[in-house]
Amino acid sequence: MKENVFDVLMYLFENYMDEGTEFQPDQEALTHELTQAGFHRGEIRKAFSWLDGLSSLREHGTDRSPAARSAAIRHYTPKEQERLDEECRGYLHFMETSGVIDPATREVIIDRLMALEADEIALDQIKWVMLLVLFNQPGQEYAYHMLEDLVFDEMQGHLH
């Protein structure tokens, strides 16, 4: 079974995080369950590290000052452009200009996308990472539910 960090994250989201409660796993028990489900320990460790990075970003807060909400244009680094194609960058821009995410949340999303260590990021992956980020951002419940409805409607009730 060829699984990657993203697949582990989706499994965790579908089975544990989408219950409306904060995700605080017993990593040892969860590692055992995930290996039984066919995931490799290396990918499980990377997924936990990814989630730790997300928690760290949440704990240190993001800049939600008026300057952070300015109309500045986000320029992507060459590495970001390589992994996030024009469609993906356009989707992030659309979600920001639509008010679903703010610039600070966009930056967390981009950080977590780059942390996936994938050669290229697909649009569906962006949507799921956005859900994971919004789920873990205090005060973003409305945006989370808006995006959740959008993603699930697009997938017509089928999870990843």
Protein backbone atom coordinates (compact mmCIF):
# COMPACT_ATOMS: atom_id res chain seq x y z
CA MET A 1 0.00 0.00 0.00
CA LYS A 2 1.56 3.29 -1.08
CA GLU A 3 0.48 5.79 1.53
CA ASN A 4 1.91 9.20 2.25
CA VAL A 5 1.62 11.81 4.99
CA PHE A 6 -1.44 13.32 3.33
CA ASP A 7 -3.24 9.94 3.39
CA VAL A 8 -2.48 9.55 7.11
CA LEU A 9 -3.78 13.06 7.78
CA MET A 10 -6.97 12.34 5.85
CA TYR A 11 -7.50 9.12 7.78
CA LEU A 12 -7.08 11.01 11.06
CA PHE A 13 -9.41 13.79 9.92
CA GLU A 14 -12.12 11.44 8.73
CA ASN A 15 -11.98 9.26 11.84
CA TYR A 16 -11.12 11.61 14.67
CA MET A 17 -11.03 15.30 13.90
CA ASP A 18 -14.37 15.89 12.25
CA GLU A 19 -16.23 15.24 15.49
CA GLY A 20 -16.19 18.88 16.61
CA THR A 21 -13.78 18.28 19.49
CA GLU A 22 -10.14 19.18 19.84
CA PHE A 23 -7.84 16.49 18.55
CA GLN A 24 -5.52 15.30 21.35
CA PRO A 25 -4.46 11.80 20.41
CA ASP A 26 -2.71 9.12 22.40
CA GLN A 27 0.05 8.83 19.82
CA GLU A 28 1.14 5.37 20.86
CA ALA A 29 -2.34 3.87 20.59
CA LEU A 30 -3.04 5.79 17.41
CA THR A 31 0.26 4.64 15.87
CA HIS A 32 -0.74 1.06 16.58
CA GLU A 33 -4.16 1.59 14.99
CA LEU A 34 -2.66 3.31 11.95
CA THR A 35 -0.10 0.53 11.38
CA GLN A 36 -2.96 -1.97 11.61
CA ALA A 37 -4.76 0.07 8.96
CA GLY A 38 -1.73 -0.33 6.67
CA PHE A 39 0.18 2.92 7.15
CA HIS A 40 3.96 2.88 7.51
CA ARG A 41 5.48 4.09 10.79
CA GLY A 42 7.63 6.67 8.99
CA GLU A 43 4.59 8.30 7.40
CA ILE A 44 2.73 8.17 10.72
CA ARG A 45 5.61 9.98 12.45
CA LYS A 46 5.66 12.59 9.69
CA ALA A 47 1.90 13.11 10.04
CA PHE A 48 2.22 13.62 13.80
CA SER A 49 5.08 16.05 13.16
CA TRP A 50 2.89 17.88 10.61
CA LEU A 51 0.10 18.17 13.20
CA ASP A 52 2.60 19.33 15.84
CA GLY A 53 3.70 22.05 13.42
CA LEU A 54 0.09 23.12 12.96
CA SER A 55 -0.43 23.21 16.74
CA SER A 56 2.73 25.23 17.16
CA LEU A 57 1.52 27.78 14.63
CA ARG A 58 -1.81 27.99 16.45
CA GLU A 59 -0.19 28.36 19.89
CA HIS A 60 2.16 31.10 18.72
CA GLY A 61 -0.78 32.83 17.08
CA THR A 62 -0.99 34.51 13.74
CA ASP A 63 -0.94 38.20 13.04
CA ARG A 64 -4.55 39.32 12.70
CA SER A 65 -3.76 43.05 12.93
CA PRO A 66 -5.24 45.48 10.39
CA ALA A 67 -1.90 45.50 8.56
CA ALA A 68 -2.11 41.72 8.16
CA ARG A 69 -5.55 42.15 6.58
CA SER A 70 -4.35 44.68 4.04
CA ALA A 71 -4.90 44.39 0.31
CA ALA A 72 -1.26 43.47 -0.30
CA ILE A 73 -0.57 40.91 -3.02
CA ARG A 74 1.07 37.66 -1.93
CA HIS A 75 4.14 36.79 -4.00
CA TYR A 76 5.07 33.12 -4.00
CA THR A 77 8.66 31.93 -3.75
CA PRO A 78 10.03 29.88 -6.65
CA LYS A 79 9.75 26.72 -4.52
CA GLU A 80 6.11 27.52 -3.67
CA GLN A 81 5.37 28.21 -7.34
CA GLU A 82 6.92 24.89 -8.26
CA ARG A 83 4.73 22.93 -5.86
CA LEU A 84 1.58 25.07 -6.00
CA ASP A 85 0.52 25.46 -9.62
CA GLU A 86 -1.44 28.41 -10.95
CA GLU A 87 -4.78 26.74 -10.26
CA CYS A 88 -3.84 26.13 -6.62
CA ARG A 89 -2.55 29.66 -6.07
CA GLY A 90 -5.67 31.00 -7.76
CA TYR A 91 -7.88 28.96 -5.45
CA LEU A 92 -6.10 30.31 -2.37
CA HIS A 93 -6.52 33.84 -3.73
CA PHE A 94 -10.21 33.22 -4.44
CA MET A 95 -10.80 31.88 -0.92
CA GLU A 96 -9.08 34.91 0.54
CA THR A 97 -10.90 37.49 -1.58
CA SER A 98 -14.18 35.69 -0.82
CA GLY A 99 -13.54 36.16 2.88
CA VAL A 100 -13.34 32.46 3.72
CA ILE A 101 -9.73 32.83 4.87
CA ASP A 102 -7.71 35.85 5.91
CA PRO A 103 -4.05 36.54 5.02
CA ALA A 104 -2.78 35.08 8.31
CA THR A 105 -4.70 31.85 7.78
CA ARG A 106 -3.50 31.74 4.16
CA GLU A 107 0.06 31.81 5.42
CA VAL A 108 -0.60 28.91 7.81
CA ILE A 109 -2.18 26.97 4.95
CA ILE A 110 0.81 27.60 2.68
CA ASP A 111 3.20 26.61 5.48
CA ARG A 112 1.36 23.33 6.06
CA LEU A 113 1.12 22.62 2.32
CA MET A 114 4.87 23.05 1.95
CA ALA A 115 5.38 20.79 4.97
CA LEU A 116 3.68 17.92 3.11
CA GLU A 117 6.95 17.33 1.24
CA ALA A 118 5.07 16.47 -1.95
CA ASP A 119 6.53 17.32 -5.35
CA GLU A 120 3.26 18.90 -6.44
CA ILE A 121 0.16 19.80 -4.49
CA ALA A 122 -3.24 19.00 -6.00
CA LEU A 123 -6.25 21.26 -5.61
CA ASP A 124 -8.08 18.62 -3.55
CA GLN A 125 -5.14 18.51 -1.15
CA ILE A 126 -5.34 22.27 -0.68
CA LYS A 127 -9.01 22.01 0.23
CA TRP A 128 -8.31 19.32 2.82
CA VAL A 129 -5.35 21.19 4.29
CA MET A 130 -7.55 24.28 4.49
CA LEU A 131 -10.10 22.24 6.43
CA LEU A 132 -7.41 20.94 8.80
CA VAL A 133 -6.05 24.45 9.37
CA LEU A 134 -9.46 26.06 9.87
CA PHE A 135 -10.49 23.25 12.21
CA ASN A 136 -7.47 24.07 14.36
CA GLN A 137 -7.75 27.88 14.25
CA PRO A 138 -9.72 29.48 17.10
CA GLY A 139 -12.44 31.79 15.83
CA GLN A 140 -12.54 30.17 12.38
CA GLU A 141 -15.54 27.91 12.97
CA TYR A 142 -17.78 29.71 10.49
CA ALA A 143 -15.12 29.60 7.76
CA TYR A 144 -14.49 25.93 8.55
CA HIS A 145 -18.17 25.04 8.15
CA MET A 146 -18.44 27.05 4.92
CA LEU A 147 -15.45 25.25 3.43
CA GLU A 148 -16.58 21.89 4.80
CA ASP A 149 -19.92 22.27 3.03
CA LEU A 150 -18.18 23.33 -0.18
CA VAL A 151 -15.69 20.45 -0.14
CA PHE A 152 -18.25 17.79 0.73
CA ASP A 153 -20.73 19.14 -1.84
CA GLU A 154 -18.03 18.99 -4.53
CA MET A 155 -17.18 15.43 -3.58
CA GLN A 156 -20.86 14.49 -3.47
CA GLY A 157 -20.61 12.87 -0.06
CA HIS A 158 -17.45 10.87 -0.78
CA LEU A 159 -14.49 11.37 1.48
CA HIS A 160 -11.03 11.26 -0.14
